[in-house]
Amino acid sequence: MSTFTPCKGKTACRDDGAICLTCGRSFAEIEQTRAQIDALAEFVIAQGYDNVGEFAAYVADKVEKKVRHRRETT
């Protein structure tokens, strides 16, 4: 397993053509993460939720539980 390192912002990115030399993640991983976040943001907007923080906390909790469960069953 590896440890997730969050982006420090687009202006902090330094690359060698394949990975960010600041956070160590591949550009494919960064793009996929951004796409997932964009999709969630669009969903929240489409639903008209005004309690975005509560939605984000709910999603974070569900992701943690789902990952934990899948790791335990494999």
PDB file of N, CA and C in Angstrom:
ATOM      1  N   MET A   1       0.830  -1.180   0.000  1.00  0.00           N
ATOM      2  CA  MET A   1       0.000   0.000   0.000  1.00  0.00           C
ATOM      3  C   MET A   1       0.874   1.242   0.000  1.00  0.00           C
ATOM      4  N   SER A   2       0.282   2.326  -0.438  1.00  0.00           N
ATOM      5  CA  SER A   2       1.001   3.596  -0.436  1.00  0.00           C
ATOM      6  C   SER A   2       0.224   4.613   0.384  1.00  0.00           C
ATOM      7  N   THR A   3       0.843   5.720   0.648  1.00  0.00           N
ATOM      8  CA  THR A   3       0.220   6.789   1.420  1.00  0.00           C
ATOM      9  C   THR A   3      -0.178   7.911   0.481  1.00  0.00           C
ATOM     10  N   PHE A   4      -1.406   8.385   0.614  1.00  0.00           N
ATOM     11  CA  PHE A   4      -1.887   9.493  -0.195  1.00  0.00           C
ATOM     12  C   PHE A   4      -1.233  10.789   0.266  1.00  0.00           C
ATOM     13  N   THR A   5      -0.751  11.556  -0.682  1.00  0.00           N
ATOM     14  CA  THR A   5      -0.209  12.884  -0.409  1.00  0.00           C
ATOM     15  C   THR A   5      -1.041  13.878  -1.205  1.00  0.00           C
ATOM     16  N   PRO A   6      -1.735  14.780  -0.525  1.00  0.00           N
ATOM     17  CA  PRO A   6      -2.591  15.720  -1.247  1.00  0.00           C
ATOM     18  C   PRO A   6      -1.787  16.721  -2.068  1.00  0.00           C
ATOM     19  N   CYS A   7      -2.432  17.238  -3.102  1.00  0.00           N
ATOM     20  CA  CYS A   7      -1.819  18.286  -3.917  1.00  0.00           C
ATOM     21  C   CYS A   7      -1.569  19.513  -3.064  1.00  0.00           C
ATOM     22  N   LYS A   8      -0.530  20.221  -3.398  1.00  0.00           N
ATOM     23  CA  LYS A   8      -0.218  21.466  -2.714  1.00  0.00           C
ATOM     24  C   LYS A   8      -0.690  22.649  -3.559  1.00  0.00           C
ATOM     25  N   GLY A   9      -1.426  22.344  -4.640  1.00  0.00           N
ATOM     26  CA  GLY A   9      -1.933  23.377  -5.546  1.00  0.00           C
ATOM     27  C   GLY A   9      -1.231  23.296  -6.883  1.00  0.00           C
ATOM     28  N   LYS A  10      -1.948  23.676  -7.935  1.00  0.00           N
ATOM     29  CA  LYS A  10      -1.389  23.574  -9.286  1.00  0.00           C
ATOM     30  C   LYS A  10      -0.101  24.367  -9.446  1.00  0.00           C
ATOM     31  N   THR A  11       0.040  25.459  -8.719  1.00  0.00           N
ATOM     32  CA  THR A  11       1.248  26.269  -8.851  1.00  0.00           C
ATOM     33  C   THR A  11       2.453  25.611  -8.175  1.00  0.00           C
ATOM     34  N   ALA A  12       2.214  24.609  -7.333  1.00  0.00           N
ATOM     35  CA  ALA A  12       3.311  23.916  -6.654  1.00  0.00           C
ATOM     36  C   ALA A  12       3.795  22.710  -7.448  1.00  0.00           C
ATOM     37  N   CYS A  13       3.047  22.315  -8.473  1.00  0.00           N
ATOM     38  CA  CYS A  13       3.403  21.124  -9.247  1.00  0.00           C
ATOM     39  C   CYS A  13       4.732  21.313  -9.973  1.00  0.00           C
ATOM     40  N   ARG A  14       5.534  20.285  -9.905  1.00  0.00           N
ATOM     41  CA  ARG A  14       6.760  20.179 -10.695  1.00  0.00           C
ATOM     42  C   ARG A  14       6.723  18.784 -11.274  1.00  0.00           C
ATOM     43  N   ASP A  15       7.072  18.640 -12.526  1.00  0.00           N
ATOM     44  CA  ASP A  15       6.932  17.308 -13.107  1.00  0.00           C
ATOM     45  C   ASP A  15       8.150  16.872 -13.888  1.00  0.00           C
ATOM     46  N   ASP A  16       8.202  15.561 -14.060  1.00  0.00           N
ATOM     47  CA  ASP A  16       9.227  14.952 -14.897  1.00  0.00           C
ATOM     48  C   ASP A  16       8.578  14.340 -16.130  1.00  0.00           C
ATOM     49  N   GLY A  17       7.322  14.704 -16.383  1.00  0.00           N
ATOM     50  CA  GLY A  17       6.574  14.176 -17.516  1.00  0.00           C
ATOM     51  C   GLY A  17       5.640  13.052 -17.149  1.00  0.00           C
ATOM     52  N   ALA A  18       5.791  12.460 -15.969  1.00  0.00           N
ATOM     53  CA  ALA A  18       4.943  11.344 -15.561  1.00  0.00           C
ATOM     54  C   ALA A  18       4.366  11.511 -14.166  1.00  0.00           C
ATOM     55  N   ILE A  19       5.136  12.135 -13.281  1.00  0.00           N
ATOM     56  CA  ILE A  19       4.666  12.306 -11.898  1.00  0.00           C
ATOM     57  C   ILE A  19       4.928  13.733 -11.442  1.00  0.00           C
ATOM     58  N   CYS A  20       4.181  14.129 -10.418  1.00  0.00           N
ATOM     59  CA  CYS A  20       4.420  15.417  -9.777  1.00  0.00           C
ATOM     60  C   CYS A  20       5.582  15.215  -8.802  1.00  0.00           C
ATOM     61  N   LEU A  21       6.607  16.000  -8.951  1.00  0.00           N
ATOM     62  CA  LEU A  21       7.771  15.857  -8.080  1.00  0.00           C
ATOM     63  C   LEU A  21       7.529  16.457  -6.700  1.00  0.00           C
ATOM     64  N   THR A  22       6.412  17.183  -6.529  1.00  0.00           N
ATOM     65  CA  THR A  22       6.080  17.758  -5.228  1.00  0.00           C
ATOM     66  C   THR A  22       5.335  16.751  -4.366  1.00  0.00           C
ATOM     67  N   CYS A  23       4.262  16.137  -4.919  1.00  0.00           N
ATOM     68  CA  CYS A  23       3.469  15.194  -4.111  1.00  0.00           C
ATOM     69  C   CYS A  23       3.787  13.731  -4.425  1.00  0.00           C
ATOM     70  N   GLY A  24       4.448  13.454  -5.546  1.00  0.00           N
ATOM     71  CA  GLY A  24       4.848  12.096  -5.888  1.00  0.00           C
ATOM     72  C   GLY A  24       3.781  11.259  -6.571  1.00  0.00           C
ATOM     73  N   ARG A  25       2.624  11.868  -6.861  1.00  0.00           N
ATOM     74  CA  ARG A  25       1.557  11.110  -7.514  1.00  0.00           C
ATOM     75  C   ARG A  25       1.674  11.229  -9.029  1.00  0.00           C
ATOM     76  N   SER A  26       1.205  10.202  -9.718  1.00  0.00           N
ATOM     77  CA  SER A  26       1.228  10.240 -11.176  1.00  0.00           C
ATOM     78  C   SER A  26       0.192  11.233 -11.674  1.00  0.00           C
ATOM     79  N   PHE A  27       0.428  11.769 -12.866  1.00  0.00           N
ATOM     80  CA  PHE A  27      -0.531  12.710 -13.425  1.00  0.00           C
ATOM     81  C   PHE A  27      -1.846  12.015 -13.747  1.00  0.00           C
ATOM     82  N   ALA A  28      -1.805  10.737 -14.071  1.00  0.00           N
ATOM     83  CA  ALA A  28      -3.043   9.979 -14.305  1.00  0.00           C
ATOM     84  C   ALA A  28      -3.856   9.896 -13.014  1.00  0.00           C
ATOM     85  N   GLU A  29      -3.192   9.644 -11.889  1.00  0.00           N
ATOM     86  CA  GLU A  29      -3.877   9.582 -10.595  1.00  0.00           C
ATOM     87  C   GLU A  29      -4.462  10.940 -10.227  1.00  0.00           C
ATOM     88  N   ILE A  30      -3.691  12.000 -10.427  1.00  0.00           N
ATOM     89  CA  ILE A  30      -4.166  13.347 -10.116  1.00  0.00           C
ATOM     90  C   ILE A  30      -5.389  13.682 -10.965  1.00  0.00           C
ATOM     91  N   GLU A  31      -5.344  13.376 -12.250  1.00  0.00           N
ATOM     92  CA  GLU A  31      -6.463  13.660 -13.146  1.00  0.00           C
ATOM     93  C   GLU A  31      -7.704  12.861 -12.759  1.00  0.00           C
ATOM     94  N   GLN A  32      -7.528  11.603 -12.409  1.00  0.00           N
ATOM     95  CA  GLN A  32      -8.666  10.775 -12.007  1.00  0.00           C
ATOM     96  C   GLN A  32      -9.294  11.307 -10.714  1.00  0.00           C
ATOM     97  N   THR A  33      -8.462  11.728  -9.779  1.00  0.00           N
ATOM     98  CA  THR A  33      -8.970  12.302  -8.524  1.00  0.00           C
ATOM     99  C   THR A  33      -9.750  13.577  -8.808  1.00  0.00           C
ATOM    100  N   ARG A  34      -9.203  14.436  -9.649  1.00  0.00           N
ATOM    101  CA  ARG A  34      -9.895  15.680 -10.010  1.00  0.00           C
ATOM    102  C   ARG A  34     -11.226  15.397 -10.685  1.00  0.00           C
ATOM    103  N   ALA A  35     -11.264  14.391 -11.551  1.00  0.00           N
ATOM    104  CA  ALA A  35     -12.508  14.046 -12.241  1.00  0.00           C
ATOM    105  C   ALA A  35     -13.573  13.572 -11.257  1.00  0.00           C
ATOM    106  N   GLN A  36     -13.163  12.780 -10.263  1.00  0.00           N
ATOM    107  CA  GLN A  36     -14.110  12.306  -9.255  1.00  0.00           C
ATOM    108  C   GLN A  36     -14.646  13.479  -8.435  1.00  0.00           C
ATOM    109  N   ILE A  37     -13.774  14.385  -8.055  1.00  0.00           N
ATOM    110  CA  ILE A  37     -14.195  15.553  -7.279  1.00  0.00           C
ATOM    111  C   ILE A  37     -15.117  16.440  -8.105  1.00  0.00           C
ATOM    112  N   ASP A  38     -14.776  16.650  -9.383  1.00  0.00           N
ATOM    113  CA  ASP A  38     -15.635  17.447 -10.264  1.00  0.00           C
ATOM    114  C   ASP A  38     -17.012  16.825 -10.393  1.00  0.00           C
ATOM    115  N   ALA A  39     -17.067  15.501 -10.521  1.00  0.00           N
ATOM    116  CA  ALA A  39     -18.353  14.809 -10.648  1.00  0.00           C
ATOM    117  C   ALA A  39     -19.190  14.980  -9.384  1.00  0.00           C
ATOM    118  N   LEU A  40     -18.563  14.867  -8.229  1.00  0.00           N
ATOM    119  CA  LEU A  40     -19.290  15.074  -6.972  1.00  0.00           C
ATOM    120  C   LEU A  40     -19.775  16.513  -6.845  1.00  0.00           C
ATOM    121  N   ALA A  41     -18.943  17.467  -7.237  1.00  0.00           N
ATOM    122  CA  ALA A  41     -19.344  18.875  -7.167  1.00  0.00           C
ATOM    123  C   ALA A  41     -20.535  19.139  -8.085  1.00  0.00           C
ATOM    124  N   GLU A  42     -20.503  18.591  -9.283  1.00  0.00           N
ATOM    125  CA  GLU A  42     -21.617  18.769 -10.219  1.00  0.00           C
ATOM    126  C   GLU A  42     -22.892  18.130  -9.668  1.00  0.00           C
ATOM    127  N   PHE A  43     -22.757  16.982  -9.017  1.00  0.00           N
ATOM    128  CA  PHE A  43     -23.907  16.313  -8.412  1.00  0.00           C
ATOM    129  C   PHE A  43     -24.537  17.191  -7.331  1.00  0.00           C
ATOM    130  N   VAL A  44     -23.691  17.758  -6.457  1.00  0.00           N
ATOM    131  CA  VAL A  44     -24.177  18.625  -5.386  1.00  0.00           C
ATOM    132  C   VAL A  44     -24.914  19.829  -5.965  1.00  0.00           C
ATOM    133  N   ILE A  45     -24.350  20.427  -6.995  1.00  0.00           N
ATOM    134  CA  ILE A  45     -24.982  21.583  -7.631  1.00  0.00           C
ATOM    135  C   ILE A  45     -26.310  21.190  -8.265  1.00  0.00           C
ATOM    136  N   ALA A  46     -26.318  20.061  -8.967  1.00  0.00           N
ATOM    137  CA  ALA A  46     -27.546  19.597  -9.614  1.00  0.00           C
ATOM    138  C   ALA A  46     -28.646  19.301  -8.599  1.00  0.00           C
ATOM    139  N   GLN A  47     -28.263  18.800  -7.432  1.00  0.00           N
ATOM    140  CA  GLN A  47     -29.240  18.494  -6.390  1.00  0.00           C
ATOM    141  C   GLN A  47     -29.680  19.745  -5.637  1.00  0.00           C
ATOM    142  N   GLY A  48     -28.900  20.795  -5.741  1.00  0.00           N
ATOM    143  CA  GLY A  48     -29.227  22.036  -5.053  1.00  0.00           C
ATOM    144  C   GLY A  48     -28.988  21.996  -3.560  1.00  0.00           C
ATOM    145  N   TYR A  49     -28.097  21.114  -3.109  1.00  0.00           N
ATOM    146  CA  TYR A  49     -27.808  21.014  -1.679  1.00  0.00           C
ATOM    147  C   TYR A  49     -27.189  22.313  -1.168  1.00  0.00           C
ATOM    148  N   ASP A  50     -27.658  22.790  -0.032  1.00  0.00           N
ATOM    149  CA  ASP A  50     -27.035  23.959   0.578  1.00  0.00           C
ATOM    150  C   ASP A  50     -26.122  23.561   1.742  1.00  0.00           C
ATOM    151  N   ASN A  51     -26.152  22.294   2.145  1.00  0.00           N
ATOM    152  CA  ASN A  51     -25.297  21.805   3.236  1.00  0.00           C
ATOM    153  C   ASN A  51     -24.165  20.935   2.659  1.00  0.00           C
ATOM    154  N   VAL A  52     -23.311  21.590   1.887  1.00  0.00           N
ATOM    155  CA  VAL A  52     -22.226  20.894   1.181  1.00  0.00           C
ATOM    156  C   VAL A  52     -21.285  20.186   2.146  1.00  0.00           C
ATOM    157  N   GLY A  53     -20.970  20.820   3.265  1.00  0.00           N
ATOM    158  CA  GLY A  53     -20.072  20.205   4.243  1.00  0.00           C
ATOM    159  C   GLY A  53     -20.612  18.898   4.781  1.00  0.00           C
ATOM    160  N   GLU A  54     -21.915  18.858   5.042  1.00  0.00           N
ATOM    161  CA  GLU A  54     -22.538  17.630   5.548  1.00  0.00           C
ATOM    162  C   GLU A  54     -22.491  16.532   4.483  1.00  0.00           C
ATOM    163  N   PHE A  55     -22.755  16.909   3.224  1.00  0.00           N
ATOM    164  CA  PHE A  55     -22.671  15.941   2.128  1.00  0.00           C
ATOM    165  C   PHE A  55     -21.242  15.401   2.004  1.00  0.00           C
ATOM    166  N   ALA A  56     -20.253  16.293   2.030  1.00  0.00           N
ATOM    167  CA  ALA A  56     -18.854  15.886   1.893  1.00  0.00           C
ATOM    168  C   ALA A  56     -18.437  14.957   3.041  1.00  0.00           C
ATOM    169  N   ALA A  57     -18.870  15.259   4.256  1.00  0.00           N
ATOM    170  CA  ALA A  57     -18.551  14.402   5.401  1.00  0.00           C
ATOM    171  C   ALA A  57     -19.195  13.034   5.244  1.00  0.00           C
ATOM    172  N   TYR A  58     -20.444  13.008   4.750  1.00  0.00           N
ATOM    173  CA  TYR A  58     -21.140  11.748   4.514  1.00  0.00           C
ATOM    174  C   TYR A  58     -20.384  10.900   3.484  1.00  0.00           C
ATOM    175  N   VAL A  59     -19.980  11.523   2.382  1.00  0.00           N
ATOM    176  CA  VAL A  59     -19.256  10.798   1.334  1.00  0.00           C
ATOM    177  C   VAL A  59     -17.925  10.280   1.866  1.00  0.00           C
ATOM    178  N   ALA A  60     -17.195  11.115   2.599  1.00  0.00           N
ATOM    179  CA  ALA A  60     -15.905  10.694   3.162  1.00  0.00           C
ATOM    180  C   ALA A  60     -16.078   9.497   4.086  1.00  0.00           C
ATOM    181  N   ASP A  61     -17.092   9.535   4.932  1.00  0.00           N
ATOM    182  CA  ASP A  61     -17.363   8.423   5.853  1.00  0.00           C
ATOM    183  C   ASP A  61     -17.694   7.151   5.091  1.00  0.00           C
ATOM    184  N   LYS A  62     -18.531   7.271   4.066  1.00  0.00           N
ATOM    185  CA  LYS A  62     -18.922   6.093   3.274  1.00  0.00           C
ATOM    186  C   LYS A  62     -17.735   5.502   2.522  1.00  0.00           C
ATOM    187  N   VAL A  63     -16.876   6.354   1.994  1.00  0.00           N
ATOM    188  CA  VAL A  63     -15.686   5.860   1.279  1.00  0.00           C
ATOM    189  C   VAL A  63     -14.786   5.087   2.239  1.00  0.00           C
ATOM    190  N   GLU A  64     -14.546   5.644   3.413  1.00  0.00           N
ATOM    191  CA  GLU A  64     -13.705   4.959   4.394  1.00  0.00           C
ATOM    192  C   GLU A  64     -14.275   3.591   4.759  1.00  0.00           C
ATOM    193  N   LYS A  65     -15.575   3.531   5.020  1.00  0.00           N
ATOM    194  CA  LYS A  65     -16.209   2.264   5.387  1.00  0.00           C
ATOM    195  C   LYS A  65     -16.163   1.261   4.246  1.00  0.00           C
ATOM    196  N   LYS A  66     -16.403   1.720   3.023  1.00  0.00           N
ATOM    197  CA  LYS A  66     -16.401   0.817   1.877  1.00  0.00           C
ATOM    198  C   LYS A  66     -15.006   0.255   1.625  1.00  0.00           C
ATOM    199  N   VAL A  67     -13.985   1.098   1.718  1.00  0.00           N
ATOM    200  CA  VAL A  67     -12.604   0.631   1.527  1.00  0.00           C
ATOM    201  C   VAL A  67     -12.230  -0.367   2.604  1.00  0.00           C
ATOM    202  N   ARG A  68     -12.558  -0.042   3.848  1.00  0.00           N
ATOM    203  CA  ARG A  68     -12.249  -0.949   4.961  1.00  0.00           C
ATOM    204  C   ARG A  68     -12.910  -2.302   4.746  1.00  0.00           C
ATOM    205  N   HIS A  69     -14.177  -2.286   4.368  1.00  0.00           N
ATOM    206  CA  HIS A  69     -14.920  -3.535   4.132  1.00  0.00           C
ATOM    207  C   HIS A  69     -14.308  -4.343   2.989  1.00  0.00           C
ATOM    208  N   ARG A  70     -13.995  -3.680   1.904  1.00  0.00           N
ATOM    209  CA  ARG A  70     -13.418  -4.396   0.752  1.00  0.00           C
ATOM    210  C   ARG A  70     -12.037  -4.963   1.061  1.00  0.00           C
ATOM    211  N   ARG A  71     -11.258  -4.256   1.857  1.00  0.00           N
ATOM    212  CA  ARG A  71      -9.943  -4.772   2.229  1.00  0.00           C
ATOM    213  C   ARG A  71     -10.068  -5.979   3.144  1.00  0.00           C
ATOM    214  N   GLU A  72     -11.084  -6.000   3.993  1.00  0.00           N
ATOM    215  CA  GLU A  72     -11.271  -7.107   4.903  1.00  0.00           C
ATOM    216  C   GLU A  72     -11.783  -8.357   4.195  1.00  0.00           C
ATOM    217  N   THR A  73     -12.494  -8.188   3.080  1.00  0.00           N
ATOM    218  CA  THR A  73     -13.085  -9.331   2.383  1.00  0.00           C
ATOM    219  C   THR A  73     -12.237  -9.847   1.244  1.00  0.00           C
ATOM    220  N   THR A  74     -11.088  -9.226   0.983  1.00  0.00           N
ATOM    221  CA  THR A  74     -10.232  -9.730  -0.107  1.00  0.00           C
ATOM    222  C   THR A  74      -8.994 -10.365   0.411  1.00  0.00           C
TER     223      THR A  74
END
